[in-house]
């Protein structure tokens, strides 16, 4: 739940201009959270890193949000 509110806001804002990329990124984030939870449940700290690919989805959402914000501000024309 630590990154869930952040992911939702990035999905909402980034999805205004890039809905397909944002949706795919949120799926990657969700799968990463599932992999992390499964690794966490084993009790072995090494297995928690299996879900670290969730940050690929989160950083992509950050990029789509930045693109949307810059487009709204008139700085970026895509």
Protein backbone atom coordinates (compact mmCIF):
# COMPACT_ATOMS: atom_id res chain seq x y z
CA UNK A 1 0.00 0.00 0.00
CA UNK A 2 3.01 2.29 0.19
CA UNK A 3 3.10 3.16 -3.52
CA UNK A 4 -0.56 2.49 -4.34
CA UNK A 5 -1.85 6.09 -3.97
CA UNK A 6 1.11 7.40 -5.96
CA UNK A 7 0.50 4.85 -8.71
CA UNK A 8 -3.19 5.75 -8.89
CA UNK A 9 -2.50 9.47 -9.29
CA UNK A 10 0.20 8.83 -11.90
CA UNK A 11 -2.20 6.50 -13.74
CA UNK A 12 -4.99 9.09 -13.66
CA UNK A 13 -2.88 12.02 -14.85
CA UNK A 14 -0.71 10.09 -17.31
CA UNK A 15 -3.75 8.29 -18.69
CA UNK A 16 -5.27 11.56 -19.86
CA UNK A 17 -2.81 11.76 -22.74
CA UNK A 18 -1.28 8.25 -22.89
CA UNK A 19 -4.05 5.81 -21.90
CA UNK A 20 -2.62 2.64 -23.46
CA UNK A 21 0.92 3.11 -22.15
CA UNK A 22 -0.41 4.03 -18.72
CA UNK A 23 -2.67 0.98 -18.58
CA UNK A 24 0.17 -1.34 -19.61
CA UNK A 25 2.44 0.25 -17.02
CA UNK A 26 -0.14 -0.26 -14.29
CA UNK A 27 -0.38 -3.95 -15.23
CA UNK A 28 3.42 -4.23 -14.91
CA UNK A 29 3.23 -2.50 -11.52
CA UNK A 30 0.45 -4.85 -10.37
CA UNK A 31 2.35 -7.95 -11.43
CA UNK A 32 5.42 -6.65 -9.65
CA UNK A 33 3.44 -6.13 -6.45
CA UNK A 34 2.10 -9.69 -6.69
CA UNK A 35 5.61 -11.06 -7.19
CA UNK A 36 6.86 -8.98 -4.26
CA UNK A 37 4.02 -10.18 -1.99
CA UNK A 38 4.67 -13.81 -2.90
CA UNK A 39 8.37 -13.40 -2.17
CA UNK A 40 7.65 -11.55 1.07
CA UNK A 41 5.34 -14.33 2.25
CA UNK A 42 8.15 -16.89 2.08
CA UNK A 43 10.06 -15.14 4.85
CA UNK A 44 13.30 -15.17 2.85
CA UNK A 45 14.55 -11.58 2.33
CA UNK A 46 16.28 -12.53 -0.94
CA UNK A 47 12.98 -13.48 -2.56
CA UNK A 48 11.49 -10.01 -2.02
CA UNK A 49 13.55 -8.60 -4.86
CA UNK A 50 11.69 -10.71 -7.43
CA UNK A 51 9.05 -7.99 -7.66
CA UNK A 52 11.49 -5.15 -8.21
CA UNK A 53 10.38 -4.85 -11.85
CA UNK A 54 7.33 -2.99 -10.54
CA UNK A 55 9.48 0.15 -10.63
CA UNK A 56 9.66 -0.14 -14.43
CA UNK A 57 5.90 0.38 -14.50
CA UNK A 58 6.03 3.12 -11.89
CA UNK A 59 8.77 5.06 -13.68
CA UNK A 60 6.93 4.72 -16.99
CA UNK A 61 3.84 6.16 -15.33
CA UNK A 62 5.98 9.00 -14.02
CA UNK A 63 7.12 9.68 -17.59
CA UNK A 64 3.58 9.70 -18.98
CA UNK A 65 2.52 12.05 -16.18
CA UNK A 66 5.41 14.41 -16.90
CA UNK A 67 4.52 14.37 -20.60
CA UNK A 68 0.89 15.16 -19.82
CA UNK A 69 1.82 17.97 -17.43
CA UNK A 70 4.25 19.52 -19.91
CA UNK A 71 1.67 19.30 -22.67
CA UNK A 72 -0.95 21.02 -20.51
CA UNK A 73 1.57 23.74 -19.63
CA UNK A 74 2.28 24.27 -23.32
CA UNK A 75 5.96 23.40 -23.04
CA UNK A 76 5.79 20.12 -24.95
CA UNK A 77 3.90 19.50 -28.18
CA UNK A 78 3.33 15.80 -28.98
